[in-house]
């Protein structure tokens, strides 16, 4: 796994899949959806 970035997504009933967060392969960079920030 440590060769790759990993993402988290979610899908609620009746809704489209939504990106939640992503982390770079070394963990230095992360990204969050506005709904997840904080």
ModelCIF file with pLDDT and N, C-alpha, C, O atoms, coordinates in Angstrom:
data_MODEL
#
_entry.id   MODEL 
#
_entity.id                         1 
_entity.type                       polymer 
_entity.pdbx_number_of_molecules   1 
#
_entity_poly.entity_id                      1 
_entity_poly.type                           'polypeptide(L)' 
_entity_poly.nstd_linkage                   no 
_entity_poly.nstd_monomer                   no 
_entity_poly.pdbx_seq_one_letter_code       
;(UNK)(UNK)(UNK)(UNK)(UNK)(UNK)(UNK)(UNK)(UNK)(UNK)(UNK)(UNK)(UNK)(UNK)(UNK)(UNK)
(UNK)(UNK)(UNK)(UNK)(UNK)(UNK)(UNK)(UNK)(UNK)(UNK)(UNK)(UNK)(UNK)(UNK)(UNK)(UNK)
(UNK)(UNK)(UNK)(UNK)(UNK)(UNK)
;
_entity_poly.pdbx_seq_one_letter_code_can   XXXXXXXXXXXXXXXXXXXXXXXXXXXXXXXXXXXXXX 
_entity_poly.pdbx_strand_id                 A 
#
loop_
_entity_poly_seq.entity_id 
_entity_poly_seq.num 
_entity_poly_seq.mon_id 
_entity_poly_seq.hetero 
1 1  UNK n 
1 2  UNK n 
1 3  UNK n 
1 4  UNK n 
1 5  UNK n 
1 6  UNK n 
1 7  UNK n 
1 8  UNK n 
1 9  UNK n 
1 10 UNK n 
1 11 UNK n 
1 12 UNK n 
1 13 UNK n 
1 14 UNK n 
1 15 UNK n 
1 16 UNK n 
1 17 UNK n 
1 18 UNK n 
1 19 UNK n 
1 20 UNK n 
1 21 UNK n 
1 22 UNK n 
1 23 UNK n 
1 24 UNK n 
1 25 UNK n 
1 26 UNK n 
1 27 UNK n 
1 28 UNK n 
1 29 UNK n 
1 30 UNK n 
1 31 UNK n 
1 32 UNK n 
1 33 UNK n 
1 34 UNK n 
1 35 UNK n 
1 36 UNK n 
1 37 UNK n 
1 38 UNK n 
#
_struct_asym.id          A 
_struct_asym.entity_id   1 
#
loop_
_ma_qa_metric.id 
_ma_qa_metric.mode 
_ma_qa_metric.name 
_ma_qa_metric.software_group_id 
_ma_qa_metric.type 
1 global pLDDT . pLDDT 
2 local  pLDDT . pLDDT 
#
_ma_qa_metric_global.metric_id      1 
_ma_qa_metric_global.metric_value   94.61 
_ma_qa_metric_global.model_id       1 
_ma_qa_metric_global.ordinal_id     1 
#
loop_
_ma_qa_metric_local.label_asym_id 
_ma_qa_metric_local.label_comp_id 
_ma_qa_metric_local.label_seq_id 
_ma_qa_metric_local.metric_id 
_ma_qa_metric_local.metric_value 
_ma_qa_metric_local.model_id 
_ma_qa_metric_local.ordinal_id 
A UNK 1  2 83.00 1 1  
A UNK 2  2 81.00 1 2  
A UNK 3  2 86.00 1 3  
A UNK 4  2 91.00 1 4  
A UNK 5  2 94.00 1 5  
A UNK 6  2 96.00 1 6  
A UNK 7  2 97.00 1 7  
A UNK 8  2 98.00 1 8  
A UNK 9  2 98.00 1 9  
A UNK 10 2 98.00 1 10 
A UNK 11 2 98.00 1 11 
A UNK 12 2 97.00 1 12 
A UNK 13 2 92.00 1 13 
A UNK 14 2 94.00 1 14 
A UNK 15 2 96.00 1 15 
A UNK 16 2 97.00 1 16 
A UNK 17 2 97.00 1 17 
A UNK 18 2 97.00 1 18 
A UNK 19 2 98.00 1 19 
A UNK 20 2 98.00 1 20 
A UNK 21 2 98.00 1 21 
A UNK 22 2 97.00 1 22 
A UNK 23 2 96.00 1 23 
A UNK 24 2 94.00 1 24 
A UNK 25 2 90.00 1 25 
A UNK 26 2 89.00 1 26 
A UNK 27 2 88.00 1 27 
A UNK 28 2 91.00 1 28 
A UNK 29 2 93.00 1 29 
A UNK 30 2 96.00 1 30 
A UNK 31 2 96.00 1 31 
A UNK 32 2 98.00 1 32 
A UNK 33 2 97.00 1 33 
A UNK 34 2 97.00 1 34 
A UNK 35 2 97.00 1 35 
A UNK 36 2 98.00 1 36 
A UNK 37 2 97.00 1 37 
A UNK 38 2 97.00 1 38 
#
loop_
_atom_site.group_PDB 
_atom_site.id 
_atom_site.type_symbol 
_atom_site.label_atom_id 
_atom_site.label_alt_id 
_atom_site.label_comp_id 
_atom_site.label_asym_id 
_atom_site.label_entity_id 
_atom_site.label_seq_id 
_atom_site.pdbx_PDB_ins_code 
_atom_site.Cartn_x 
_atom_site.Cartn_y 
_atom_site.Cartn_z 
_atom_site.occupancy 
_atom_site.B_iso_or_equiv 
_atom_site.pdbx_formal_charge 
_atom_site.auth_seq_id 
_atom_site.auth_comp_id 
_atom_site.auth_asym_id 
_atom_site.auth_atom_id 
_atom_site.pdbx_PDB_model_num 
ATOM 1   N N  . UNK A 1 1  ? 0.803   -1.213 0.000  1.00 83.00 ? 1  UNK A N  1 
ATOM 2   C CA . UNK A 1 1  ? 0.000   0.000  0.000  1.00 83.00 ? 1  UNK A CA 1 
ATOM 3   C C  . UNK A 1 1  ? 0.834   1.261  0.000  1.00 83.00 ? 1  UNK A C  1 
ATOM 4   O O  . UNK A 1 1  ? 0.400   2.292  -0.512 1.00 83.00 ? 1  UNK A O  1 
ATOM 5   N N  . UNK A 1 2  ? 2.031   1.193  0.569  1.00 81.00 ? 2  UNK A N  1 
ATOM 6   C CA . UNK A 1 2  ? 2.795   2.442  0.715  1.00 81.00 ? 2  UNK A CA 1 
ATOM 7   C C  . UNK A 1 2  ? 3.359   2.960  -0.601 1.00 81.00 ? 2  UNK A C  1 
ATOM 8   O O  . UNK A 1 2  ? 4.015   4.002  -0.622 1.00 81.00 ? 2  UNK A O  1 
ATOM 9   N N  . UNK A 1 3  ? 3.116   2.249  -1.701 1.00 86.00 ? 3  UNK A N  1 
ATOM 10  C CA . UNK A 1 3  ? 3.505   2.786  -3.000 1.00 86.00 ? 3  UNK A CA 1 
ATOM 11  C C  . UNK A 1 3  ? 2.454   3.733  -3.569 1.00 86.00 ? 3  UNK A C  1 
ATOM 12  O O  . UNK A 1 3  ? 2.695   4.413  -4.566 1.00 86.00 ? 3  UNK A O  1 
ATOM 13  N N  . UNK A 1 4  ? 1.282   3.773  -2.926 1.00 91.00 ? 4  UNK A N  1 
ATOM 14  C CA . UNK A 1 4  ? 0.143   4.428  -3.573 1.00 91.00 ? 4  UNK A CA 1 
ATOM 15  C C  . UNK A 1 4  ? -0.581  5.404  -2.659 1.00 91.00 ? 4  UNK A C  1 
ATOM 16  O O  . UNK A 1 4  ? -0.625  5.233  -1.441 1.00 91.00 ? 4  UNK A O  1 
ATOM 17  N N  . UNK A 1 5  ? -1.139  6.420  -3.273 1.00 94.00 ? 5  UNK A N  1 
ATOM 18  C CA . UNK A 1 5  ? -2.126  7.239  -2.576 1.00 94.00 ? 5  UNK A CA 1 
ATOM 19  C C  . UNK A 1 5  ? -3.385  6.411  -2.342 1.00 94.00 ? 5  UNK A C  1 
ATOM 20  O O  . UNK A 1 5  ? -3.667  5.473  -3.088 1.00 94.00 ? 5  UNK A O  1 
ATOM 21  N N  . UNK A 1 6  ? -4.134  6.760  -1.311 1.00 96.00 ? 6  UNK A N  1 
ATOM 22  C CA . UNK A 1 6  ? -5.377  6.075  -0.973 1.00 96.00 ? 6  UNK A CA 1 
ATOM 23  C C  . UNK A 1 6  ? -6.471  7.108  -0.770 1.00 96.00 ? 6  UNK A C  1 
ATOM 24  O O  . UNK A 1 6  ? -6.240  8.165  -0.181 1.00 96.00 ? 6  UNK A O  1 
ATOM 25  N N  . UNK A 1 7  ? -7.648  6.800  -1.254 1.00 97.00 ? 7  UNK A N  1 
ATOM 26  C CA . UNK A 1 7  ? -8.775  7.709  -1.111 1.00 97.00 ? 7  UNK A CA 1 
ATOM 27  C C  . UNK A 1 7  ? -9.928  7.077  -0.351 1.00 97.00 ? 7  UNK A C  1 
ATOM 28  O O  . UNK A 1 7  ? -10.075 5.855  -0.324 1.00 97.00 ? 7  UNK A O  1 
ATOM 29  N N  . UNK A 1 8  ? -10.734 7.913  0.259  1.00 98.00 ? 8  UNK A N  1 
ATOM 30  C CA . UNK A 1 8  ? -11.986 7.492  0.884  1.00 98.00 ? 8  UNK A CA 1 
ATOM 31  C C  . UNK A 1 8  ? -13.138 8.192  0.179  1.00 98.00 ? 8  UNK A C  1 
ATOM 32  O O  . UNK A 1 8  ? -13.091 9.390  -0.101 1.00 98.00 ? 8  UNK A O  1 
ATOM 33  N N  . UNK A 1 9  ? -14.164 7.413  -0.098 1.00 98.00 ? 9  UNK A N  1 
ATOM 34  C CA . UNK A 1 9  ? -15.364 7.923  -0.731 1.00 98.00 ? 9  UNK A CA 1 
ATOM 35  C C  . UNK A 1 9  ? -16.579 7.437  0.053  1.00 98.00 ? 9  UNK A C  1 
ATOM 36  O O  . UNK A 1 9  ? -16.477 6.543  0.894  1.00 98.00 ? 9  UNK A O  1 
ATOM 37  N N  . UNK A 1 10 ? -17.708 8.030  -0.232 1.00 98.00 ? 10 UNK A N  1 
ATOM 38  C CA . UNK A 1 10 ? -18.939 7.546  0.392  1.00 98.00 ? 10 UNK A CA 1 
ATOM 39  C C  . UNK A 1 10 ? -20.101 7.700  -0.568 1.00 98.00 ? 10 UNK A C  1 
ATOM 40  O O  . UNK A 1 10 ? -20.083 8.531  -1.476 1.00 98.00 ? 10 UNK A O  1 
ATOM 41  N N  . UNK A 1 11 ? -21.112 6.879  -0.342 1.00 98.00 ? 11 UNK A N  1 
ATOM 42  C CA . UNK A 1 11 ? -22.314 6.960  -1.149 1.00 98.00 ? 11 UNK A CA 1 
ATOM 43  C C  . UNK A 1 11 ? -23.530 6.730  -0.268 1.00 98.00 ? 11 UNK A C  1 
ATOM 44  O O  . UNK A 1 11 ? -23.701 5.664  0.325  1.00 98.00 ? 11 UNK A O  1 
ATOM 45  N N  . UNK A 1 12 ? -24.365 7.748  -0.196 1.00 97.00 ? 12 UNK A N  1 
ATOM 46  C CA . UNK A 1 12 ? -25.601 7.658  0.557  1.00 97.00 ? 12 UNK A CA 1 
ATOM 47  C C  . UNK A 1 12 ? -26.712 7.166  -0.368 1.00 97.00 ? 12 UNK A C  1 
ATOM 48  O O  . UNK A 1 12 ? -26.618 7.334  -1.584 1.00 97.00 ? 12 UNK A O  1 
ATOM 49  N N  . UNK A 1 13 ? -27.754 6.567  0.185  1.00 92.00 ? 13 UNK A N  1 
ATOM 50  C CA . UNK A 1 13 ? -28.855 6.083  -0.649 1.00 92.00 ? 13 UNK A CA 1 
ATOM 51  C C  . UNK A 1 13 ? -29.433 7.190  -1.520 1.00 92.00 ? 13 UNK A C  1 
ATOM 52  O O  . UNK A 1 13 ? -29.759 8.271  -1.031 1.00 92.00 ? 13 UNK A O  1 
ATOM 53  N N  . UNK A 1 14 ? -29.554 6.914  -2.801 1.00 94.00 ? 14 UNK A N  1 
ATOM 54  C CA . UNK A 1 14 ? -30.137 7.873  -3.719 1.00 94.00 ? 14 UNK A CA 1 
ATOM 55  C C  . UNK A 1 14 ? -29.225 9.010  -4.124 1.00 94.00 ? 14 UNK A C  1 
ATOM 56  O O  . UNK A 1 14 ? -29.639 9.931  -4.828 1.00 94.00 ? 14 UNK A O  1 
ATOM 57  N N  . UNK A 1 15 ? -27.984 8.945  -3.678 1.00 96.00 ? 15 UNK A N  1 
ATOM 58  C CA . UNK A 1 15 ? -27.046 10.023 -4.008 1.00 96.00 ? 15 UNK A CA 1 
ATOM 59  C C  . UNK A 1 15 ? -25.851 9.468  -4.768 1.00 96.00 ? 15 UNK A C  1 
ATOM 60  O O  . UNK A 1 15 ? -25.584 8.267  -4.754 1.00 96.00 ? 15 UNK A O  1 
ATOM 61  N N  . UNK A 1 16 ? -25.143 10.371 -5.429 1.00 97.00 ? 16 UNK A N  1 
ATOM 62  C CA . UNK A 1 16 ? -23.936 9.978  -6.141 1.00 97.00 ? 16 UNK A CA 1 
ATOM 63  C C  . UNK A 1 16 ? -22.781 9.768  -5.163 1.00 97.00 ? 16 UNK A C  1 
ATOM 64  O O  . UNK A 1 16 ? -22.764 10.316 -4.061 1.00 97.00 ? 16 UNK A O  1 
ATOM 65  N N  . UNK A 1 17 ? -21.830 8.970  -5.597 1.00 97.00 ? 17 UNK A N  1 
ATOM 66  C CA . UNK A 1 17 ? -20.621 8.772  -4.808 1.00 97.00 ? 17 UNK A CA 1 
ATOM 67  C C  . UNK A 1 17 ? -19.892 10.106 -4.627 1.00 97.00 ? 17 UNK A C  1 
ATOM 68  O O  . UNK A 1 17 ? -19.797 10.912 -5.552 1.00 97.00 ? 17 UNK A O  1 
ATOM 69  N N  . UNK A 1 18 ? -19.390 10.312 -3.433 1.00 97.00 ? 18 UNK A N  1 
ATOM 70  C CA . UNK A 1 18 ? -18.751 11.579 -3.074 1.00 97.00 ? 18 UNK A CA 1 
ATOM 71  C C  . UNK A 1 18 ? -17.354 11.310 -2.545 1.00 97.00 ? 18 UNK A C  1 
ATOM 72  O O  . UNK A 1 18 ? -17.165 10.426 -1.710 1.00 97.00 ? 18 UNK A O  1 
ATOM 73  N N  . UNK A 1 19 ? -16.387 12.057 -3.018 1.00 98.00 ? 19 UNK A N  1 
ATOM 74  C CA . UNK A 1 19 ? -15.041 11.968 -2.469 1.00 98.00 ? 19 UNK A CA 1 
ATOM 75  C C  . UNK A 1 19 ? -14.995 12.583 -1.089 1.00 98.00 ? 19 UNK A C  1 
ATOM 76  O O  . UNK A 1 19 ? -15.544 13.662 -0.867 1.00 98.00 ? 19 UNK A O  1 
ATOM 77  N N  . UNK A 1 20 ? -14.345 11.905 -0.159 1.00 98.00 ? 20 UNK A N  1 
ATOM 78  C CA . UNK A 1 20 ? -14.259 12.374 1.223  1.00 98.00 ? 20 UNK A CA 1 
ATOM 79  C C  . UNK A 1 20 ? -12.851 12.863 1.556  1.00 98.00 ? 20 UNK A C  1 
ATOM 80  O O  . UNK A 1 20 ? -12.670 13.960 2.085  1.00 98.00 ? 20 UNK A O  1 
ATOM 81  N N  . UNK A 1 21 ? -11.859 12.033 1.240  1.00 98.00 ? 21 UNK A N  1 
ATOM 82  C CA . UNK A 1 21 ? -10.494 12.388 1.600  1.00 98.00 ? 21 UNK A CA 1 
ATOM 83  C C  . UNK A 1 21 ? -9.516  11.562 0.785  1.00 98.00 ? 21 UNK A C  1 
ATOM 84  O O  . UNK A 1 21 ? -9.862  10.523 0.223  1.00 98.00 ? 21 UNK A O  1 
ATOM 85  N N  . UNK A 1 22 ? -8.286  12.051 0.738  1.00 97.00 ? 22 UNK A N  1 
ATOM 86  C CA . UNK A 1 22 ? -7.210  11.378 0.023  1.00 97.00 ? 22 UNK A CA 1 
ATOM 87  C C  . UNK A 1 22 ? -5.920  11.610 0.784  1.00 97.00 ? 22 UNK A C  1 
ATOM 88  O O  . UNK A 1 22 ? -5.725  12.675 1.370  1.00 97.00 ? 22 UNK A O  1 
ATOM 89  N N  . UNK A 1 23 ? -5.035  10.617 0.779  1.00 96.00 ? 23 UNK A N  1 
ATOM 90  C CA . UNK A 1 23 ? -3.738  10.778 1.408  1.00 96.00 ? 23 UNK A CA 1 
ATOM 91  C C  . UNK A 1 23 ? -2.674  10.303 0.441  1.00 96.00 ? 23 UNK A C  1 
ATOM 92  O O  . UNK A 1 23 ? -2.832  9.268  -0.205 1.00 96.00 ? 23 UNK A O  1 
ATOM 93  N N  . UNK A 1 24 ? -1.592  11.054 0.340  1.00 94.00 ? 24 UNK A N  1 
ATOM 94  C CA . UNK A 1 24 ? -0.504  10.692 -0.549 1.00 94.00 ? 24 UNK A CA 1 
ATOM 95  C C  . UNK A 1 24 ? 0.227   9.469  -0.014 1.00 94.00 ? 24 UNK A C  1 
ATOM 96  O O  . UNK A 1 24 ? 0.029   9.074  1.135  1.00 94.00 ? 24 UNK A O  1 
ATOM 97  N N  . UNK A 1 25 ? 1.067   8.875  -0.843 1.00 90.00 ? 25 UNK A N  1 
ATOM 98  C CA . UNK A 1 25 ? 1.645   7.590  -0.450 1.00 90.00 ? 25 UNK A CA 1 
ATOM 99  C C  . UNK A 1 25 ? 2.556   7.691  0.754  1.00 90.00 ? 25 UNK A C  1 
ATOM 100 O O  . UNK A 1 25 ? 2.701   6.715  1.490  1.00 90.00 ? 25 UNK A O  1 
ATOM 101 N N  . UNK A 1 26 ? 3.162   8.815  0.976  1.00 89.00 ? 26 UNK A N  1 
ATOM 102 C CA . UNK A 1 26 ? 3.988   8.970  2.169  1.00 89.00 ? 26 UNK A CA 1 
ATOM 103 C C  . UNK A 1 26 ? 3.240   9.654  3.307  1.00 89.00 ? 26 UNK A C  1 
ATOM 104 O O  . UNK A 1 26 ? 3.780   9.833  4.398  1.00 89.00 ? 26 UNK A O  1 
ATOM 105 N N  . UNK A 1 27 ? 2.001   10.033 3.043  1.00 88.00 ? 27 UNK A N  1 
ATOM 106 C CA . UNK A 1 27 ? 1.208   10.663 4.084  1.00 88.00 ? 27 UNK A CA 1 
ATOM 107 C C  . UNK A 1 27 ? 1.485   12.140 4.272  1.00 88.00 ? 27 UNK A C  1 
ATOM 108 O O  . UNK A 1 27 ? 0.990   12.747 5.221  1.00 88.00 ? 27 UNK A O  1 
ATOM 109 N N  . UNK A 1 28 ? 2.269   12.726 3.383  1.00 91.00 ? 28 UNK A N  1 
ATOM 110 C CA . UNK A 1 28 ? 2.637   14.132 3.540  1.00 91.00 ? 28 UNK A CA 1 
ATOM 111 C C  . UNK A 1 28 ? 1.497   15.040 3.102  1.00 91.00 ? 28 UNK A C  1 
ATOM 112 O O  . UNK A 1 28 ? 1.276   16.104 3.681  1.00 91.00 ? 28 UNK A O  1 
ATOM 113 N N  . UNK A 1 29 ? 0.776   14.605 2.072  1.00 93.00 ? 29 UNK A N  1 
ATOM 114 C CA . UNK A 1 29 ? -0.293  15.421 1.510  1.00 93.00 ? 29 UNK A CA 1 
ATOM 115 C C  . UNK A 1 29 ? -1.634  14.743 1.774  1.00 93.00 ? 29 UNK A C  1 
ATOM 116 O O  . UNK A 1 29 ? -1.788  13.543 1.548  1.00 93.00 ? 29 UNK A O  1 
ATOM 117 N N  . UNK A 1 30 ? -2.590  15.516 2.249  1.00 96.00 ? 30 UNK A N  1 
ATOM 118 C CA . UNK A 1 30 ? -3.954  15.023 2.403  1.00 96.00 ? 30 UNK A CA 1 
ATOM 119 C C  . UNK A 1 30 ? -4.917  16.061 1.846  1.00 96.00 ? 30 UNK A C  1 
ATOM 120 O O  . UNK A 1 30 ? -4.609  17.251 1.776  1.00 96.00 ? 30 UNK A O  1 
ATOM 121 N N  . UNK A 1 31 ? -6.065  15.588 1.461  1.00 96.00 ? 31 UNK A N  1 
ATOM 122 C CA . UNK A 1 31 ? -7.073  16.450 0.857  1.00 96.00 ? 31 UNK A CA 1 
ATOM 123 C C  . UNK A 1 31 ? -8.427  16.031 1.411  1.00 96.00 ? 31 UNK A C  1 
ATOM 124 O O  . UNK A 1 31 ? -8.679  14.842 1.605  1.00 96.00 ? 31 UNK A O  1 
ATOM 125 N N  . UNK A 1 32 ? -9.287  16.991 1.663  1.00 98.00 ? 32 UNK A N  1 
ATOM 126 C CA . UNK A 1 32 ? -10.591 16.697 2.254  1.00 98.00 ? 32 UNK A CA 1 
ATOM 127 C C  . UNK A 1 32 ? -11.700 17.429 1.502  1.00 98.00 ? 32 UNK A C  1 
ATOM 128 O O  . UNK A 1 32 ? -11.521 18.548 1.021  1.00 98.00 ? 32 UNK A O  1 
ATOM 129 N N  . UNK A 1 33 ? -12.830 16.775 1.418  1.00 97.00 ? 33 UNK A N  1 
ATOM 130 C CA . UNK A 1 33 ? -14.031 17.461 0.948  1.00 97.00 ? 33 UNK A CA 1 
ATOM 131 C C  . UNK A 1 33 ? -14.436 18.492 1.994  1.00 97.00 ? 33 UNK A C  1 
ATOM 132 O O  . UNK A 1 33 ? -14.129 18.341 3.177  1.00 97.00 ? 33 UNK A O  1 
ATOM 133 N N  . UNK A 1 34 ? -15.119 19.526 1.557  1.00 97.00 ? 34 UNK A N  1 
ATOM 134 C CA . UNK A 1 34 ? -15.553 20.564 2.504  1.00 97.00 ? 34 UNK A CA 1 
ATOM 135 C C  . UNK A 1 34 ? -16.388 19.966 3.625  1.00 97.00 ? 34 UNK A C  1 
ATOM 136 O O  . UNK A 1 34 ? -16.329 20.431 4.763  1.00 97.00 ? 34 UNK A O  1 
ATOM 137 N N  . UNK A 1 35 ? -17.161 18.941 3.309  1.00 97.00 ? 35 UNK A N  1 
ATOM 138 C CA . UNK A 1 35 ? -18.032 18.321 4.312  1.00 97.00 ? 35 UNK A CA 1 
ATOM 139 C C  . UNK A 1 35 ? -17.246 17.589 5.388  1.00 97.00 ? 35 UNK A C  1 
ATOM 140 O O  . UNK A 1 35 ? -17.775 17.308 6.463  1.00 97.00 ? 35 UNK A O  1 
ATOM 141 N N  . UNK A 1 36 ? -15.980 17.277 5.102  1.00 98.00 ? 36 UNK A N  1 
ATOM 142 C CA . UNK A 1 36 ? -15.152 16.516 6.029  1.00 98.00 ? 36 UNK A CA 1 
ATOM 143 C C  . UNK A 1 36 ? -14.126 17.375 6.779  1.00 98.00 ? 36 UNK A C  1 
ATOM 144 O O  . UNK A 1 36 ? -13.606 16.965 7.817  1.00 98.00 ? 36 UNK A O  1 
ATOM 145 N N  . UNK A 1 37 ? -13.851 18.532 6.262  1.00 97.00 ? 37 UNK A N  1 
ATOM 146 C CA . UNK A 1 37 ? -12.814 19.371 6.863  1.00 97.00 ? 37 UNK A CA 1 
ATOM 147 C C  . UNK A 1 37 ? -13.145 19.724 8.312  1.00 97.00 ? 37 UNK A C  1 
ATOM 148 O O  . UNK A 1 37 ? -14.265 20.117 8.640  1.00 97.00 ? 37 UNK A O  1 
ATOM 149 N N  . UNK A 1 38 ? -12.139 19.572 9.159  1.00 97.00 ? 38 UNK A N  1 
ATOM 150 C CA . UNK A 1 38 ? -12.311 19.905 10.564 1.00 97.00 ? 38 UNK A CA 1 
ATOM 151 C C  . UNK A 1 38 ? -12.929 18.809 11.406 1.00 97.00 ? 38 UNK A C  1 
ATOM 152 O O  . UNK A 1 38 ? -13.119 18.987 12.610 1.00 97.00 ? 38 UNK A O  1 
#
